[in-house]
Structures are given as C-alpha cells and as structure tokens.
Amino acid sequence: EQQQQQQQQQQQQQQQQQQQQQQQQQQVSRESLRGQSPRRLGKGKDF
C-alpha cells in the first residue's frame, strides 16, 4: 500500500509540473507576438 501511495504522489507532481511548463510557454509566445503585430495580440488576449 505504501508503494502505491508513493507512485500516486509522484504522478500528481509530474502533472503539476507539466501544467506550469505549458503556462510559461503561452506567456512567452504572447510576448513574442507583441513585437510582430498588435492584431494578433488582441486575438491572443481574447483566448
């Protein structure tokens, strides 16, 4: 039972890390769009 609990905890931690990485990527892509065109930036904010 202890082993199963440890595995579950590890899986949860991995999921949280993946979510954080995705959020960071979105922020970076928005910043890169700022320099290109204001129209794209507006669409990005709507999402």
N, C-alpha and C. Protein backbone atom coordinates (compact mmCIF):
# COMPACT_ATOMS: atom_id res chain seq x y z
N GLU A 1 0.84 -1.21 0.00
CA GLU A 1 0.00 0.00 0.00
C GLU A 1 0.88 1.26 0.00
N GLN A 2 1.94 1.22 0.75
CA GLN A 2 2.83 2.40 0.82
C GLN A 2 3.42 2.70 -0.56
N GLN A 3 3.80 1.67 -1.28
CA GLN A 3 4.38 1.87 -2.61
C GLN A 3 3.36 2.53 -3.54
N GLN A 4 2.12 2.08 -3.49
CA GLN A 4 1.08 2.65 -4.35
C GLN A 4 0.90 4.13 -4.04
N GLN A 5 0.86 4.48 -2.78
CA GLN A 5 0.69 5.88 -2.39
C GLN A 5 1.84 6.73 -2.94
N GLN A 6 3.04 6.23 -2.83
CA GLN A 6 4.20 6.98 -3.33
C GLN A 6 4.08 7.20 -4.84
N GLN A 7 3.67 6.19 -5.57
CA GLN A 7 3.53 6.31 -7.01
C GLN A 7 2.49 7.36 -7.35
N GLN A 8 1.38 7.36 -6.66
CA GLN A 8 0.32 8.33 -6.91
C GLN A 8 0.84 9.74 -6.68
N GLN A 9 1.56 9.94 -5.61
CA GLN A 9 2.11 11.27 -5.31
C GLN A 9 3.05 11.72 -6.42
N GLN A 10 3.89 10.84 -6.90
CA GLN A 10 4.83 11.19 -7.96
C GLN A 10 4.06 11.59 -9.22
N GLN A 11 3.02 10.86 -9.56
CA GLN A 11 2.24 11.18 -10.75
C GLN A 11 1.62 12.56 -10.62
N GLN A 12 1.07 12.88 -9.47
CA GLN A 12 0.45 14.18 -9.25
C GLN A 12 1.49 15.29 -9.42
N GLN A 13 2.66 15.11 -8.89
CA GLN A 13 3.71 16.12 -9.00
C GLN A 13 4.09 16.33 -10.47
N GLN A 14 4.19 15.26 -11.23
CA GLN A 14 4.54 15.37 -12.64
C GLN A 14 3.47 16.17 -13.39
N GLN A 15 2.21 15.91 -13.11
CA GLN A 15 1.13 16.62 -13.77
C GLN A 15 1.22 18.11 -13.47
N GLN A 16 1.47 18.47 -12.24
CA GLN A 16 1.58 19.87 -11.86
C GLN A 16 2.73 20.54 -12.62
N GLN A 17 3.84 19.88 -12.73
CA GLN A 17 4.99 20.44 -13.44
C GLN A 17 4.65 20.67 -14.90
N GLN A 18 3.95 19.74 -15.53
CA GLN A 18 3.57 19.89 -16.93
C GLN A 18 2.68 21.11 -17.11
N GLN A 19 1.73 21.31 -16.22
CA GLN A 19 0.82 22.45 -16.32
C GLN A 19 1.62 23.75 -16.22
N GLN A 20 2.54 23.83 -15.32
CA GLN A 20 3.35 25.03 -15.15
C GLN A 20 4.15 25.32 -16.42
N GLN A 21 4.73 24.31 -17.02
CA GLN A 21 5.51 24.49 -18.24
C GLN A 21 4.63 25.03 -19.36
N GLN A 22 3.42 24.51 -19.50
CA GLN A 22 2.50 24.97 -20.54
C GLN A 22 2.18 26.44 -20.34
N GLN A 23 1.92 26.86 -19.13
CA GLN A 23 1.60 28.26 -18.85
C GLN A 23 2.77 29.15 -19.25
N GLN A 24 3.97 28.76 -18.92
CA GLN A 24 5.15 29.56 -19.26
C GLN A 24 5.29 29.70 -20.77
N GLN A 25 5.06 28.62 -21.52
CA GLN A 25 5.17 28.67 -22.97
C GLN A 25 4.16 29.65 -23.55
N GLN A 26 2.94 29.67 -23.04
CA GLN A 26 1.92 30.59 -23.52
C GLN A 26 2.37 32.03 -23.30
N GLN A 27 2.90 32.33 -22.16
CA GLN A 27 3.35 33.69 -21.85
C GLN A 27 4.44 34.11 -22.82
N VAL A 28 5.38 33.24 -23.09
CA VAL A 28 6.50 33.56 -23.99
C VAL A 28 5.98 33.84 -25.39
N SER A 29 5.06 33.02 -25.88
CA SER A 29 4.54 33.18 -27.23
C SER A 29 3.80 34.52 -27.35
N ARG A 30 3.08 34.92 -26.31
CA ARG A 30 2.37 36.20 -26.34
C ARG A 30 3.37 37.35 -26.41
N GLU A 31 4.44 37.25 -25.65
CA GLU A 31 5.45 38.32 -25.65
C GLU A 31 6.10 38.43 -27.02
N SER A 32 6.35 37.31 -27.67
CA SER A 32 6.99 37.34 -28.99
C SER A 32 6.03 37.94 -30.02
N LEU A 33 4.74 37.75 -29.84
CA LEU A 33 3.76 38.30 -30.78
C LEU A 33 3.67 39.82 -30.64
N ARG A 34 3.95 40.34 -29.47
CA ARG A 34 3.85 41.79 -29.26
C ARG A 34 4.71 42.55 -30.26
N GLY A 35 5.91 42.05 -30.51
CA GLY A 35 6.82 42.73 -31.41
C GLY A 35 6.38 42.63 -32.86
N GLN A 36 5.55 41.65 -33.20
CA GLN A 36 5.18 41.43 -34.60
C GLN A 36 3.97 42.27 -35.00
N SER A 37 2.81 41.98 -34.41
CA SER A 37 1.63 42.73 -34.84
C SER A 37 0.61 42.85 -33.71
N PRO A 38 0.05 44.03 -33.51
CA PRO A 38 -0.93 44.25 -32.44
C PRO A 38 -2.24 43.49 -32.69
N ARG A 39 -2.56 43.19 -33.94
CA ARG A 39 -3.81 42.46 -34.23
C ARG A 39 -3.77 41.07 -33.60
N ARG A 40 -2.67 40.37 -33.82
CA ARG A 40 -2.54 39.01 -33.27
C ARG A 40 -2.61 39.06 -31.74
N LEU A 41 -2.02 40.07 -31.15
CA LEU A 41 -2.01 40.19 -29.70
C LEU A 41 -3.45 40.29 -29.19
N GLY A 42 -4.27 41.07 -29.87
CA GLY A 42 -5.67 41.22 -29.46
C GLY A 42 -6.39 39.89 -29.47
N LYS A 43 -6.17 39.10 -30.51
CA LYS A 43 -6.82 37.79 -30.59
C LYS A 43 -6.33 36.90 -29.46
N GLY A 44 -5.06 36.98 -29.16
CA GLY A 44 -4.49 36.13 -28.10
C GLY A 44 -5.11 36.45 -26.75
N LYS A 45 -5.36 37.73 -26.50
CA LYS A 45 -5.93 38.10 -25.20
C LYS A 45 -7.36 37.58 -25.08
N ASP A 46 -8.08 37.54 -26.18
CA ASP A 46 -9.47 37.05 -26.14
C ASP A 46 -9.50 35.60 -25.66
N PHE A 47 -8.52 34.81 -26.12
CA PHE A 47 -8.45 33.43 -25.66
C PHE A 47 -8.02 33.45 -24.22
